PDB file of all heavy atoms in Angstrom:
ATOM      1  N   VAL A   1      11.199  -9.726   9.007  1.00  0.00           N
ATOM      2  CA  VAL A   1      12.058  -8.555   8.775  1.00  0.00           C
ATOM      3  C   VAL A   1      12.265  -8.329   7.282  1.00  0.00           C
ATOM      4  O   VAL A   1      12.192  -7.192   6.800  1.00  0.00           O
ATOM      5  CB  VAL A   1      13.408  -8.698   9.512  1.00  0.00           C
ATOM      6  CG1 VAL A   1      14.377  -7.608   9.106  1.00  0.00           C
ATOM      7  CG2 VAL A   1      13.192  -8.688  11.016  1.00  0.00           C
ATOM      8  N   GLY A   2      12.503  -9.390   6.544  1.00  0.00           N
ATOM      9  CA  GLY A   2      12.696  -9.254   5.097  1.00  0.00           C
ATOM     10  C   GLY A   2      11.490  -8.643   4.405  1.00  0.00           C
ATOM     11  O   GLY A   2      11.615  -7.730   3.579  1.00  0.00           O
ATOM     12  N   PHE A   3      10.302  -9.129   4.749  1.00  0.00           N
ATOM     13  CA  PHE A   3       9.090  -8.577   4.142  1.00  0.00           C
ATOM     14  C   PHE A   3       8.867  -7.137   4.588  1.00  0.00           C
ATOM     15  O   PHE A   3       8.436  -6.288   3.802  1.00  0.00           O
ATOM     16  CB  PHE A   3       7.874  -9.444   4.498  1.00  0.00           C
ATOM     17  CG  PHE A   3       6.670  -9.117   3.668  1.00  0.00           C
ATOM     18  CD1 PHE A   3       6.554  -9.596   2.378  1.00  0.00           C
ATOM     19  CD2 PHE A   3       5.662  -8.322   4.176  1.00  0.00           C
ATOM     20  CE1 PHE A   3       5.448  -9.291   1.596  1.00  0.00           C
ATOM     21  CE2 PHE A   3       4.546  -8.004   3.416  1.00  0.00           C
ATOM     22  CZ  PHE A   3       4.440  -8.490   2.113  1.00  0.00           C
ATOM     23  N   ALA A   4       9.192  -6.843   5.845  1.00  0.00           N
ATOM     24  CA  ALA A   4       9.051  -5.467   6.337  1.00  0.00           C
ATOM     25  C   ALA A   4       9.998  -4.526   5.594  1.00  0.00           C
ATOM     26  O   ALA A   4       9.635  -3.381   5.303  1.00  0.00           O
ATOM     27  CB  ALA A   4       9.315  -5.425   7.841  1.00  0.00           C
ATOM     28  N   LEU A   5      11.204  -4.997   5.276  1.00  0.00           N
ATOM     29  CA  LEU A   5      12.126  -4.168   4.496  1.00  0.00           C
ATOM     30  C   LEU A   5      11.570  -3.891   3.099  1.00  0.00           C
ATOM     31  O   LEU A   5      11.714  -2.783   2.574  1.00  0.00           O
ATOM     32  CB  LEU A   5      13.498  -4.836   4.408  1.00  0.00           C
ATOM     33  CG  LEU A   5      14.320  -4.833   5.689  1.00  0.00           C
ATOM     34  CD1 LEU A   5      15.547  -5.720   5.545  1.00  0.00           C
ATOM     35  CD2 LEU A   5      14.713  -3.409   6.069  1.00  0.00           C
ATOM     36  N   LEU A   6      10.918  -4.884   2.509  1.00  0.00           N
ATOM     37  CA  LEU A   6      10.249  -4.658   1.223  1.00  0.00           C
ATOM     38  C   LEU A   6       9.139  -3.612   1.368  1.00  0.00           C
ATOM     39  O   LEU A   6       8.942  -2.778   0.485  1.00  0.00           O
ATOM     40  CB  LEU A   6       9.658  -5.960   0.686  1.00  0.00           C
ATOM     41  CG  LEU A   6      10.624  -6.953   0.076  1.00  0.00           C
ATOM     42  CD1 LEU A   6       9.898  -8.252  -0.260  1.00  0.00           C
ATOM     43  CD2 LEU A   6      11.274  -6.371  -1.170  1.00  0.00           C
ATOM     44  N   ALA A   7       8.422  -3.661   2.482  1.00  0.00           N
ATOM     45  CA  ALA A   7       7.358  -2.685   2.732  1.00  0.00           C
ATOM     46  C   ALA A   7       7.931  -1.267   2.822  1.00  0.00           C
ATOM     47  O   ALA A   7       7.375  -0.321   2.252  1.00  0.00           O
ATOM     48  CB  ALA A   7       6.602  -3.033   4.015  1.00  0.00           C
ATOM     49  N   VAL A   8       9.049  -1.125   3.522  1.00  0.00           N
ATOM     50  CA  VAL A   8       9.690   0.196   3.626  1.00  0.00           C
ATOM     51  C   VAL A   8      10.127   0.667   2.243  1.00  0.00           C
ATOM     52  O   VAL A   8       9.889   1.819   1.869  1.00  0.00           O
ATOM     53  CB  VAL A   8      10.901   0.160   4.593  1.00  0.00           C
ATOM     54  CG1 VAL A   8      11.695   1.452   4.525  1.00  0.00           C
ATOM     55  CG2 VAL A   8      10.441  -0.100   6.015  1.00  0.00           C
ATOM     56  N   ALA A   9      10.755  -0.216   1.485  1.00  0.00           N
ATOM     57  CA  ALA A   9      11.218   0.155   0.142  1.00  0.00           C
ATOM     58  C   ALA A   9      10.049   0.544  -0.761  1.00  0.00           C
ATOM     59  O   ALA A   9      10.127   1.518  -1.510  1.00  0.00           O
ATOM     60  CB  ALA A   9      12.005  -0.999  -0.483  1.00  0.00           C
ATOM     61  N   ARG A  10       8.950  -0.178  -0.668  1.00  0.00           N
ATOM     62  CA  ARG A  10       7.774   0.153  -1.487  1.00  0.00           C
ATOM     63  C   ARG A  10       7.202   1.508  -1.087  1.00  0.00           C
ATOM     64  O   ARG A  10       6.901   2.345  -1.928  1.00  0.00           O
ATOM     65  CB  ARG A  10       6.701  -0.925  -1.343  1.00  0.00           C
ATOM     66  CG  ARG A  10       5.476  -0.642  -2.204  1.00  0.00           C
ATOM     67  CD  ARG A  10       4.383  -1.665  -1.959  1.00  0.00           C
ATOM     68  NE  ARG A  10       3.215  -1.340  -2.727  1.00  0.00           N
ATOM     69  CZ  ARG A  10       2.283  -0.471  -2.334  1.00  0.00           C
ATOM     70  NH1 ARG A  10       2.395   0.153  -1.183  1.00  0.00           N
ATOM     71  NH2 ARG A  10       1.231  -0.238  -3.101  1.00  0.00           N
ATOM     72  N   ASP A  11       7.053   1.746   0.215  1.00  0.00           N
ATOM     73  CA  ASP A  11       6.483   3.012   0.681  1.00  0.00           C
ATOM     74  C   ASP A  11       7.413   4.191   0.408  1.00  0.00           C
ATOM     75  O   ASP A  11       6.949   5.320   0.249  1.00  0.00           O
ATOM     76  CB  ASP A  11       6.146   2.935   2.169  1.00  0.00           C
ATOM     77  CG  ASP A  11       4.938   2.048   2.434  1.00  0.00           C
ATOM     78  OD1 ASP A  11       4.227   1.699   1.462  1.00  0.00           O
ATOM     79  OD2 ASP A  11       4.706   1.701   3.600  1.00  0.00           O
ATOM     80  N   ALA A  12       8.707   3.927   0.339  1.00  0.00           N
ATOM     81  CA  ALA A  12       9.667   4.994   0.033  1.00  0.00           C
ATOM     82  C   ALA A  12       9.755   5.268  -1.463  1.00  0.00           C
ATOM     83  O   ALA A  12      10.471   6.161  -1.894  1.00  0.00           O
ATOM     84  CB  ALA A  12      11.043   4.627   0.578  1.00  0.00           C
ATOM     85  N   GLY A  13       9.038   4.489  -2.263  1.00  0.00           N
ATOM     86  CA  GLY A  13       9.026   4.705  -3.705  1.00  0.00           C
ATOM     87  C   GLY A  13      10.120   3.972  -4.456  1.00  0.00           C
ATOM     88  O   GLY A  13      10.309   4.193  -5.654  1.00  0.00           O
ATOM     89  N   LEU A  14      10.852   3.093  -3.778  1.00  0.00           N
ATOM     90  CA  LEU A  14      11.926   2.355  -4.419  1.00  0.00           C
ATOM     91  C   LEU A  14      11.414   1.152  -5.215  1.00  0.00           C
ATOM     92  O   LEU A  14      12.107   0.647  -6.087  1.00  0.00           O
ATOM     93  CB  LEU A  14      12.941   1.886  -3.375  1.00  0.00           C
ATOM     94  CG  LEU A  14      13.589   3.007  -2.548  1.00  0.00           C
ATOM     95  CD1 LEU A  14      14.470   2.423  -1.462  1.00  0.00           C
ATOM     96  CD2 LEU A  14      14.378   3.940  -3.448  1.00  0.00           C
ATOM     97  N   LEU A  15      10.198   0.699  -4.893  1.00  0.00           N
ATOM     98  CA  LEU A  15       9.570  -0.426  -5.591  1.00  0.00           C
ATOM     99  C   LEU A  15       8.164  -0.019  -6.034  1.00  0.00           C
ATOM    100  O   LEU A  15       7.171  -0.604  -5.585  1.00  0.00           O
ATOM    101  CB  LEU A  15       9.480  -1.660  -4.683  1.00  0.00           C
ATOM    102  CG  LEU A  15      10.785  -2.217  -4.138  1.00  0.00           C
ATOM    103  CD1 LEU A  15      10.516  -3.305  -3.107  1.00  0.00           C
ATOM    104  CD2 LEU A  15      11.625  -2.767  -5.275  1.00  0.00           C
ATOM    105  N   PRO A  16       8.051   0.967  -6.905  1.00  0.00           N
ATOM    106  CA  PRO A  16       6.724   1.499  -7.244  1.00  0.00           C
ATOM    107  C   PRO A  16       5.834   0.505  -7.981  1.00  0.00           C
ATOM    108  O   PRO A  16       4.621   0.647  -7.982  1.00  0.00           O
ATOM    109  CB  PRO A  16       7.026   2.712  -8.119  1.00  0.00           C
ATOM    110  CG  PRO A  16       8.379   2.425  -8.703  1.00  0.00           C
ATOM    111  CD  PRO A  16       9.107   1.631  -7.660  1.00  0.00           C
ATOM    112  N   ARG A  17       6.397  -0.484  -8.619  1.00  0.00           N
ATOM    113  CA  ARG A  17       5.593  -1.425  -9.405  1.00  0.00           C
ATOM    114  C   ARG A  17       5.081  -2.603  -8.576  1.00  0.00           C
ATOM    115  O   ARG A  17       4.365  -3.443  -9.087  1.00  0.00           O
ATOM    116  CB  ARG A  17       6.391  -1.943 -10.580  1.00  0.00           C
ATOM    117  CG  ARG A  17       6.662  -0.839 -11.572  1.00  0.00           C
ATOM    118  CD  ARG A  17       7.328  -1.378 -12.787  1.00  0.00           C
ATOM    119  NE  ARG A  17       7.620  -0.255 -13.678  1.00  0.00           N
ATOM    120  CZ  ARG A  17       8.110  -0.388 -14.868  1.00  0.00           C
ATOM    121  NH1 ARG A  17       8.391  -1.576 -15.334  1.00  0.00           N
ATOM    122  NH2 ARG A  17       8.343   0.668 -15.613  1.00  0.00           N
ATOM    123  N   LEU A  18       5.475  -2.672  -7.322  1.00  0.00           N
ATOM    124  CA  LEU A  18       5.033  -3.763  -6.459  1.00  0.00           C
ATOM    125  C   LEU A  18       3.613  -3.451  -5.977  1.00  0.00           C
ATOM    126  O   LEU A  18       3.404  -2.627  -5.103  1.00  0.00           O
ATOM    127  CB  LEU A  18       5.975  -3.927  -5.266  1.00  0.00           C
ATOM    128  CG  LEU A  18       5.634  -5.028  -4.275  1.00  0.00           C
ATOM    129  CD1 LEU A  18       5.651  -6.389  -4.964  1.00  0.00           C
ATOM    130  CD2 LEU A  18       6.599  -5.009  -3.120  1.00  0.00           C
ATOM    131  N   ARG A  19       2.632  -4.110  -6.597  1.00  0.00           N
ATOM    132  CA  ARG A  19       1.231  -3.887  -6.254  1.00  0.00           C
ATOM    133  C   ARG A  19       0.810  -4.885  -5.189  1.00  0.00           C
ATOM    134  O   ARG A  19       1.191  -6.050  -5.234  1.00  0.00           O
ATOM    135  CB  ARG A  19       0.348  -4.020  -7.484  1.00  0.00           C
ATOM    136  CG  ARG A  19       0.593  -2.927  -8.514  1.00  0.00           C
ATOM    137  CD  ARG A  19      -0.238  -3.111  -9.769  1.00  0.00           C
ATOM    138  NE  ARG A  19      -1.632  -3.401  -9.506  1.00  0.00           N
ATOM    139  CZ  ARG A  19      -2.612  -2.489  -9.478  1.00  0.00           C
ATOM    140  NH1 ARG A  19      -2.326  -1.240  -9.712  1.00  0.00           N
ATOM    141  NH2 ARG A  19      -3.852  -2.846  -9.241  1.00  0.00           N
ATOM    142  N   LEU A  20       0.018  -4.416  -4.252  1.00  0.00           N
ATOM    143  CA  LEU A  20      -0.466  -5.271  -3.185  1.00  0.00           C
ATOM    144  C   LEU A  20      -1.945  -5.581  -3.406  1.00  0.00           C
ATOM    145  O   LEU A  20      -2.673  -4.760  -3.966  1.00  0.00           O
ATOM    146  CB  LEU A  20      -0.271  -4.567  -1.836  1.00  0.00           C
ATOM    147  CG  LEU A  20       1.181  -4.248  -1.503  1.00  0.00           C
ATOM    148  CD1 LEU A  20       1.260  -3.384  -0.263  1.00  0.00           C
ATOM    149  CD2 LEU A  20       1.966  -5.530  -1.293  1.00  0.00           C
ATOM    150  N   PRO A  21      -2.411  -6.744  -2.976  1.00  0.00           N
ATOM    151  CA  PRO A  21      -3.817  -7.091  -3.186  1.00  0.00           C
ATOM    152  C   PRO A  21      -4.736  -6.209  -2.339  1.00  0.00           C
ATOM    153  O   PRO A  21      -4.476  -5.981  -1.164  1.00  0.00           O
ATOM    154  CB  PRO A  21      -3.896  -8.545  -2.721  1.00  0.00           C
ATOM    155  CG  PRO A  21      -2.743  -8.728  -1.806  1.00  0.00           C
ATOM    156  CD  PRO A  21      -1.679  -7.790  -2.274  1.00  0.00           C
ATOM    157  N   GLN A  22      -5.767  -5.706  -2.970  1.00  0.00           N
ATOM    158  CA  GLN A  22      -6.737  -4.894  -2.245  1.00  0.00           C
ATOM    159  C   GLN A  22      -7.976  -4.678  -3.091  1.00  0.00           C
ATOM    160  O   GLN A  22      -7.947  -4.834  -4.302  1.00  0.00           O
ATOM    161  CB  GLN A  22      -6.143  -3.552  -1.841  1.00  0.00           C
ATOM    162  CG  GLN A  22      -5.778  -2.641  -3.008  1.00  0.00           C
ATOM    163  CD  GLN A  22      -5.233  -1.322  -2.516  1.00  0.00           C
ATOM    164  OE1 GLN A  22      -5.606  -0.835  -1.469  1.00  0.00           O
ATOM    165  NE2 GLN A  22      -4.328  -0.742  -3.264  1.00  0.00           N
ATOM    166  N   ASN A  23      -9.043  -4.331  -2.448  1.00  0.00           N
ATOM    167  CA  ASN A  23     -10.281  -3.940  -3.092  1.00  0.00           C
ATOM    168  C   ASN A  23     -10.312  -2.420  -2.977  1.00  0.00           C
ATOM    169  O   ASN A  23     -10.813  -1.874  -2.003  1.00  0.00           O
ATOM    170  CB  ASN A  23     -11.477  -4.585  -2.379  1.00  0.00           C
ATOM    171  CG  ASN A  23     -12.785  -4.273  -3.040  1.00  0.00           C
ATOM    172  OD1 ASN A  23     -12.824  -3.702  -4.123  1.00  0.00           O
ATOM    173  ND2 ASN A  23     -13.871  -4.635  -2.386  1.00  0.00           N
ATOM    174  N   ALA A  24      -9.732  -1.738  -3.925  1.00  0.00           N
ATOM    175  CA  ALA A  24      -9.435  -0.303  -3.814  1.00  0.00           C
ATOM    176  C   ALA A  24     -10.680   0.582  -3.941  1.00  0.00           C
ATOM    177  O   ALA A  24     -10.887   1.270  -4.923  1.00  0.00           O
ATOM    178  CB  ALA A  24      -8.395   0.095  -4.856  1.00  0.00           C
ATOM    179  N   ARG A  25     -11.487   0.548  -2.897  1.00  0.00           N
ATOM    180  CA  ARG A  25     -12.640   1.442  -2.807  1.00  0.00           C
ATOM    181  C   ARG A  25     -12.669   1.998  -1.394  1.00  0.00           C
ATOM    182  O   ARG A  25     -12.564   1.250  -0.426  1.00  0.00           O
ATOM    183  CB  ARG A  25     -13.941   0.691  -3.090  1.00  0.00           C
ATOM    184  CG  ARG A  25     -14.012   0.157  -4.514  1.00  0.00           C
ATOM    185  CD  ARG A  25     -15.330  -0.513  -4.780  1.00  0.00           C
ATOM    186  NE  ARG A  25     -15.475  -1.670  -3.903  1.00  0.00           N
ATOM    187  CZ  ARG A  25     -16.643  -2.144  -3.486  1.00  0.00           C
ATOM    188  NH1 ARG A  25     -17.754  -1.566  -3.838  1.00  0.00           N
ATOM    189  NH2 ARG A  25     -16.697  -3.200  -2.712  1.00  0.00           N
ATOM    190  N   GLN A  26     -12.814   3.289  -1.281  1.00  0.00           N
ATOM    191  CA  GLN A  26     -12.855   3.915   0.031  1.00  0.00           C
ATOM    192  C   GLN A  26     -14.288   4.037   0.534  1.00  0.00           C
ATOM    193  O   GLN A  26     -15.233   4.111  -0.254  1.00  0.00           O
ATOM    194  CB  GLN A  26     -12.232   5.311  -0.013  1.00  0.00           C
ATOM    195  CG  GLN A  26     -10.729   5.280  -0.202  1.00  0.00           C
ATOM    196  CD  GLN A  26     -10.149   6.666  -0.133  1.00  0.00           C
ATOM    197  OE1 GLN A  26     -10.552   7.545  -0.876  1.00  0.00           O
ATOM    198  NE2 GLN A  26      -9.213   6.856   0.768  1.00  0.00           N
ATOM    199  N   VAL A  27     -14.426   4.088   1.856  1.00  0.00           N
ATOM    200  CA  VAL A  27     -15.716   4.387   2.452  1.00  0.00           C
ATOM    201  C   VAL A  27     -15.995   5.856   2.154  1.00  0.00           C
ATOM    202  O   VAL A  27     -15.151   6.717   2.419  1.00  0.00           O
ATOM    203  CB  VAL A  27     -15.688   4.140   3.972  1.00  0.00           C
ATOM    204  CG1 VAL A  27     -17.014   4.508   4.604  1.00  0.00           C
ATOM    205  CG2 VAL A  27     -15.313   2.700   4.276  1.00  0.00           C
ATOM    206  N   PRO A  28     -17.161   6.179   1.583  1.00  0.00           N
ATOM    207  CA  PRO A  28     -17.449   7.578   1.249  1.00  0.00           C
ATOM    208  C   PRO A  28     -17.397   8.482   2.488  1.00  0.00           C
ATOM    209  O   PRO A  28     -17.799   8.075   3.574  1.00  0.00           O
ATOM    210  CB  PRO A  28     -18.876   7.530   0.681  1.00  0.00           C
ATOM    211  CG  PRO A  28     -19.109   6.113   0.314  1.00  0.00           C
ATOM    212  CD  PRO A  28     -18.236   5.282   1.205  1.00  0.00           C
ATOM    213  N   GLN A  29     -16.908   9.702   2.306  1.00  0.00           N
ATOM    214  CA  GLN A  29     -16.782  10.630   3.434  1.00  0.00           C
ATOM    215  C   GLN A  29     -18.121  10.973   4.056  1.00  0.00           C
ATOM    216  O   GLN A  29     -18.211  11.219   5.256  1.00  0.00           O
ATOM    217  CB  GLN A  29     -16.077  11.907   2.987  1.00  0.00           C
ATOM    218  CG  GLN A  29     -14.615  11.719   2.720  1.00  0.00           C
ATOM    219  CD  GLN A  29     -13.925  13.015   2.359  1.00  0.00           C
ATOM    220  OE1 GLN A  29     -14.567  14.039   2.173  1.00  0.00           O
ATOM    221  NE2 GLN A  29     -12.618  12.972   2.258  1.00  0.00           N
ATOM    222  N   ASP A  30     -19.178  10.979   3.260  1.00  0.00           N
ATOM    223  CA  ASP A  30     -20.474  11.362   3.822  1.00  0.00           C
ATOM    224  C   ASP A  30     -21.000  10.341   4.820  1.00  0.00           C
ATOM    225  O   ASP A  30     -21.892  10.638   5.608  1.00  0.00           O
ATOM    226  CB  ASP A  30     -21.497  11.622   2.714  1.00  0.00           C
ATOM    227  CG  ASP A  30     -21.869  10.365   1.940  1.00  0.00           C
ATOM    228  OD1 ASP A  30     -20.992   9.498   1.759  1.00  0.00           O
ATOM    229  OD2 ASP A  30     -23.044  10.267   1.527  1.00  0.00           O
ATOM    230  N   VAL A  31     -20.425   9.130   4.853  1.00  0.00           N
ATOM    231  CA  VAL A  31     -20.821   8.133   5.848  1.00  0.00           C
ATOM    232  C   VAL A  31     -20.564   8.676   7.253  1.00  0.00           C
ATOM    233  O   VAL A  31     -21.396   8.546   8.142  1.00  0.00           O
ATOM    234  CB  VAL A  31     -20.054   6.806   5.622  1.00  0.00           C
ATOM    235  CG1 VAL A  31     -20.174   5.876   6.813  1.00  0.00           C
ATOM    236  CG2 VAL A  31     -20.546   6.124   4.366  1.00  0.00           C
ATOM    237  N   LEU A  32     -19.428   9.299   7.456  1.00  0.00           N
ATOM    238  CA  LEU A  32     -19.090   9.848   8.774  1.00  0.00           C
ATOM    239  C   LEU A  32     -19.749  11.204   9.013  1.00  0.00           C
ATOM    240  O   LEU A  32     -19.933  11.609  10.154  1.00  0.00           O
ATOM    241  CB  LEU A  32     -17.571   9.974   8.916  1.00  0.00           C
ATOM    242  CG  LEU A  32     -16.822   8.649   8.934  1.00  0.00           C
ATOM    243  CD1 LEU A  32     -15.329   8.885   8.868  1.00  0.00           C
ATOM    244  CD2 LEU A  32     -17.174   7.849  10.165  1.00  0.00           C
TER     245      LEU A  32
END
């Protein structure tokens, strides 16, 4: 629940500097 509350706060823009780990590349649209 605590981590989920952090997720809500981040998505609501209350914690904009909280970066999450990811490989930020999208699948190109032409694939579909």
